[in-house]
Amino acid sequence: MKIIDISMSLSERTAPWPGDTRFSYEVSWGMEESGSVNVGKLEMSAHSGTHIDAPFHFTEDGKKVHELEIDRYITSAAVVDVTGKETIFIEDLQSKLESKKVNAILLKTESWRDRSVFPEKIPVMDHNVPSFLADKGIRLIGLDLPSVDPIDNKELENHHKLLDKDIYILEGLVLDHVEEGVYELIALPLNIVGADGSPVRAILRK
């Protein structure tokens, strides 16, 4: 069984959302001091690299990470290539989801190649897409972008529409090397009580 890693690397070069906490790691308790081990310290945003959004991220009464259904993140997923699209419409997805029995869709846009630089503009899906995906039985959407909404958007309409349709959100995937097709997705968040998001190690199995 082939395993494909679709996670961003986390380092000081990983671009955070503008104004958010940059990732850092340091050995805070070294072998010389401890006598036996190196112990590291992490500082990062809950939305660093490849991560999930919990509804609490964008709505005050939304579920937090520890309240989410864990089985959503181990599921069948269709990778759909929408490279070159500035707006992703139902028509771009319809034929590629037809006859596929999957619970998740992963959108490959290839528009964020240098992940050390935060993008100024990203492709976005049309506001009718969440309803279409729900009708197709989709329960999770993932994409190789930092957001399902435009970068400068404050209303977060797609976030809310996806929540209304009970579709979970997975952002910051690396799909450059992945072909269209159906895979098993595993992208488990950390069990962080009260959190609005969590980094994940996302893989596909073919």
Protein backbone atom coordinates (compact mmCIF):
# COMPACT_ATOMS: atom_id res chain seq x y z
CA MET A 1 0.00 0.00 0.00
CA LYS A 2 1.46 3.35 -1.08
CA ILE A 3 1.54 6.16 1.50
CA ILE A 4 1.70 9.77 0.25
CA ASP A 5 2.54 12.53 2.71
CA ILE A 6 0.46 15.64 1.94
CA SER A 7 1.56 17.75 4.92
CA MET A 8 3.51 20.99 4.96
CA SER A 9 6.87 20.93 6.71
CA LEU A 10 6.95 22.99 9.89
CA SER A 11 10.02 25.17 10.40
CA GLU A 12 10.92 28.82 10.94
CA ARG A 13 10.44 29.20 7.15
CA THR A 14 6.78 28.16 7.28
CA ALA A 15 4.69 31.21 6.44
CA PRO A 16 2.06 32.04 9.10
CA TRP A 17 -1.15 33.92 8.43
CA PRO A 18 -0.09 37.61 8.52
CA GLY A 19 -0.01 38.71 12.15
CA ASP A 20 -0.31 35.16 13.54
CA THR A 21 2.35 33.29 15.55
CA ARG A 22 5.31 32.06 13.50
CA PHE A 23 6.41 28.46 14.11
CA SER A 24 9.54 27.95 16.19
CA TYR A 25 11.27 24.99 17.80
CA GLU A 26 14.21 24.98 20.16
CA VAL A 27 15.88 22.57 22.52
CA SER A 28 15.00 24.10 25.89
CA TRP A 29 16.54 21.36 28.05
CA GLY A 30 19.63 19.80 26.51
CA MET A 31 21.56 16.64 27.34
CA GLU A 32 24.31 18.56 29.07
CA GLU A 33 21.78 20.08 31.47
CA SER A 34 19.46 17.08 31.88
CA GLY A 35 22.16 14.43 31.87
CA SER A 36 20.28 12.11 29.53
CA VAL A 37 17.91 13.71 27.00
CA ASN A 38 17.16 16.62 24.70
CA VAL A 39 13.73 18.19 25.31
CA GLY A 40 12.30 20.64 22.79
CA LYS A 41 9.84 23.52 23.05
CA LEU A 42 7.32 24.48 20.36
CA GLU A 43 5.68 27.84 19.72
CA MET A 44 3.11 27.97 16.96
CA SER A 45 -0.38 28.95 15.89
CA ALA A 46 -3.10 26.30 16.02
CA HIS A 47 -3.37 27.02 12.28
CA SER A 48 0.28 26.43 11.40
CA GLY A 49 0.97 24.50 8.21
CA THR A 50 -1.49 21.74 7.39
CA HIS A 51 -4.34 22.11 9.87
CA ILE A 52 -8.03 21.74 10.58
CA ASP A 53 -10.46 24.52 11.45
CA ALA A 54 -12.91 23.81 14.24
CA PRO A 55 -16.18 25.79 14.03
CA PHE A 56 -15.13 27.72 17.16
CA HIS A 57 -12.48 29.33 14.94
CA PHE A 58 -15.15 31.43 13.23
CA THR A 59 -18.24 31.23 15.44
CA GLU A 60 -18.37 31.77 19.20
CA ASP A 61 -20.70 28.86 19.96
CA GLY A 62 -19.06 26.45 17.51
CA LYS A 63 -17.57 23.08 18.39
CA LYS A 64 -13.98 23.05 19.62
CA VAL A 65 -11.34 20.58 18.46
CA HIS A 66 -11.92 18.03 21.23
CA GLU A 67 -15.64 17.96 20.36
CA LEU A 68 -15.22 17.08 16.68
CA GLU A 69 -16.02 13.66 15.20
CA ILE A 70 -12.65 11.96 14.78
CA ASP A 71 -13.89 9.59 12.07
CA ARG A 72 -14.27 12.53 9.67
CA TYR A 73 -10.48 12.60 9.37
CA ILE A 74 -10.05 8.93 8.42
CA THR A 75 -12.13 8.55 5.29
CA SER A 76 -12.34 8.03 1.53
CA ALA A 77 -11.35 11.13 -0.44
CA ALA A 78 -11.31 12.23 -4.06
CA VAL A 79 -8.41 14.45 -5.16
CA VAL A 80 -9.77 16.85 -7.79
CA ASP A 81 -7.44 18.97 -9.91
CA VAL A 82 -8.74 22.54 -10.40
CA THR A 83 -5.38 24.05 -11.33
CA GLY A 84 -5.69 27.38 -13.09
CA LYS A 85 -9.17 28.21 -11.78
CA GLU A 86 -9.59 31.56 -10.05
CA THR A 87 -13.10 30.59 -8.95
CA ILE A 88 -14.12 26.97 -8.46
CA PHE A 89 -17.66 26.30 -9.64
CA ILE A 90 -19.96 23.29 -9.31
CA GLU A 91 -19.29 22.52 -12.99
CA ASP A 92 -15.57 22.07 -12.22
CA LEU A 93 -16.38 19.33 -9.71
CA GLN A 94 -19.53 17.66 -10.98
CA SER A 95 -18.07 15.21 -13.50
CA LYS A 96 -15.10 14.42 -11.27
CA LEU A 97 -17.34 13.38 -8.37
CA GLU A 98 -19.85 11.51 -10.49
CA SER A 99 -20.02 7.80 -9.59
CA LYS A 100 -17.38 8.26 -6.86
CA LYS A 101 -18.50 7.14 -3.41
CA VAL A 102 -16.32 9.30 -1.16
CA ASN A 103 -16.86 11.30 2.01
CA ALA A 104 -14.19 13.94 1.38
CA ILE A 105 -12.94 16.08 -1.49
CA LEU A 106 -9.41 17.51 -1.72
CA LEU A 107 -8.96 20.44 -4.12
CA LYS A 108 -5.61 20.69 -5.89
CA THR A 109 -5.02 24.25 -7.13
CA GLU A 110 -1.19 24.37 -7.26
CA SER A 111 -1.42 28.11 -6.61
CA TRP A 112 0.69 28.17 -3.41
CA ARG A 113 4.02 26.67 -4.41
CA ASP A 114 6.41 28.62 -2.17
CA ARG A 115 5.06 27.97 1.30
CA SER A 116 7.64 30.21 2.92
CA VAL A 117 5.72 33.18 1.47
CA PHE A 118 2.09 33.78 2.40
CA PRO A 119 -0.03 34.31 -0.75
CA GLU A 120 -1.68 37.65 -1.42
CA LYS A 121 -4.51 36.07 -3.41
CA ILE A 122 -5.88 32.54 -3.70
CA PRO A 123 -8.53 30.71 -5.74
CA VAL A 124 -11.89 30.44 -3.99
CA MET A 125 -14.93 28.27 -4.47
CA ASP A 126 -18.26 29.68 -5.54
CA HIS A 127 -20.76 30.08 -2.69
CA ASN A 128 -23.03 27.40 -4.21
CA VAL A 129 -20.38 24.70 -3.88
CA PRO A 130 -21.01 23.75 -0.21
CA SER A 131 -24.66 22.83 -0.91
CA PHE A 132 -23.60 20.80 -3.94
CA LEU A 133 -20.97 18.94 -1.92
CA ALA A 134 -23.44 18.17 0.86
CA ASP A 135 -25.86 16.72 -1.70
CA LYS A 136 -23.03 14.46 -2.87
CA GLY A 137 -22.46 13.16 0.65
CA ILE A 138 -19.22 15.09 1.23
CA ARG A 139 -18.44 15.57 4.94
CA LEU A 140 -14.96 17.12 4.70
CA ILE A 141 -13.26 19.47 2.27
CA GLY A 142 -9.50 19.89 2.06
CA LEU A 143 -7.41 22.16 -0.13
CA ASP A 144 -3.82 23.22 -0.78
CA LEU A 145 -4.53 26.78 0.37
CA PRO A 146 -4.53 28.63 3.71
CA SER A 147 -8.29 29.27 3.62
CA VAL A 148 -11.59 28.33 1.97
CA ASP A 149 -12.35 32.07 1.74
CA PRO A 150 -10.49 34.96 0.10
CA ILE A 151 -7.44 36.14 2.06
CA ASP A 152 -8.84 39.61 2.80
CA ASN A 153 -12.40 38.44 3.52
CA LYS A 154 -13.80 39.02 7.02
CA GLU A 155 -17.30 37.56 6.58
CA LEU A 156 -15.91 34.05 5.94
CA GLU A 157 -19.00 33.13 3.97
CA ASN A 158 -17.65 29.77 2.76
CA HIS A 159 -16.58 28.80 6.28
CA HIS A 160 -20.14 29.44 7.49
CA LYS A 161 -21.81 27.76 4.51
CA LEU A 162 -19.68 24.65 5.03
CA LEU A 163 -20.59 24.64 8.72
CA ASP A 164 -24.29 24.96 7.85
CA LYS A 165 -23.89 21.82 5.71
CA ASP A 166 -21.87 20.01 8.41
CA ILE A 167 -18.73 19.82 6.26
CA TYR A 168 -15.40 19.88 8.11
CA ILE A 169 -12.46 22.00 6.86
CA LEU A 170 -8.85 20.92 6.26
CA GLU A 171 -6.42 23.57 4.97
CA GLY A 172 -2.78 23.87 3.91
CA LEU A 173 -2.41 20.53 2.15
CA VAL A 174 0.48 19.75 -0.21
CA LEU A 175 -0.98 18.12 -3.32
CA ASP A 176 1.56 19.12 -5.99
CA HIS A 177 2.75 15.52 -6.35
CA VAL A 178 -0.67 13.85 -6.11
CA GLU A 179 -2.66 12.66 -9.11
CA GLU A 180 -6.42 12.85 -9.35
CA GLY A 181 -8.14 9.80 -7.97
CA VAL A 182 -9.69 8.19 -4.93
CA TYR A 183 -7.59 7.61 -1.81
CA GLU A 184 -7.92 6.91 1.88
CA LEU A 185 -7.28 10.13 3.80
CA ILE A 186 -5.83 10.15 7.32
CA ALA A 187 -5.44 13.65 8.82
CA LEU A 188 -5.91 13.46 12.58
CA PRO A 189 -5.96 16.63 14.70
CA LEU A 190 -4.41 16.70 18.15
CA ASN A 191 -6.87 16.26 21.01
CA ILE A 192 -6.52 19.85 22.25
CA VAL A 193 -9.27 20.76 24.69
CA GLY A 194 -10.95 24.07 23.90
CA ALA A 195 -8.94 24.76 20.72
CA ASP A 196 -10.14 26.51 17.56
CA GLY A 197 -7.85 24.48 15.31
CA SER A 198 -5.02 21.95 15.24
CA PRO A 199 -2.06 21.05 13.04
CA VAL A 200 -2.29 17.59 11.45
CA ARG A 201 0.01 15.10 9.74
CA ALA A 202 -2.04 14.33 6.65
CA ILE A 203 -1.42 11.30 4.46
CA LEU A 204 -3.13 9.52 1.59
CA ARG A 205 -3.12 5.75 1.12
CA LYS A 206 -3.66 4.32 -2.35
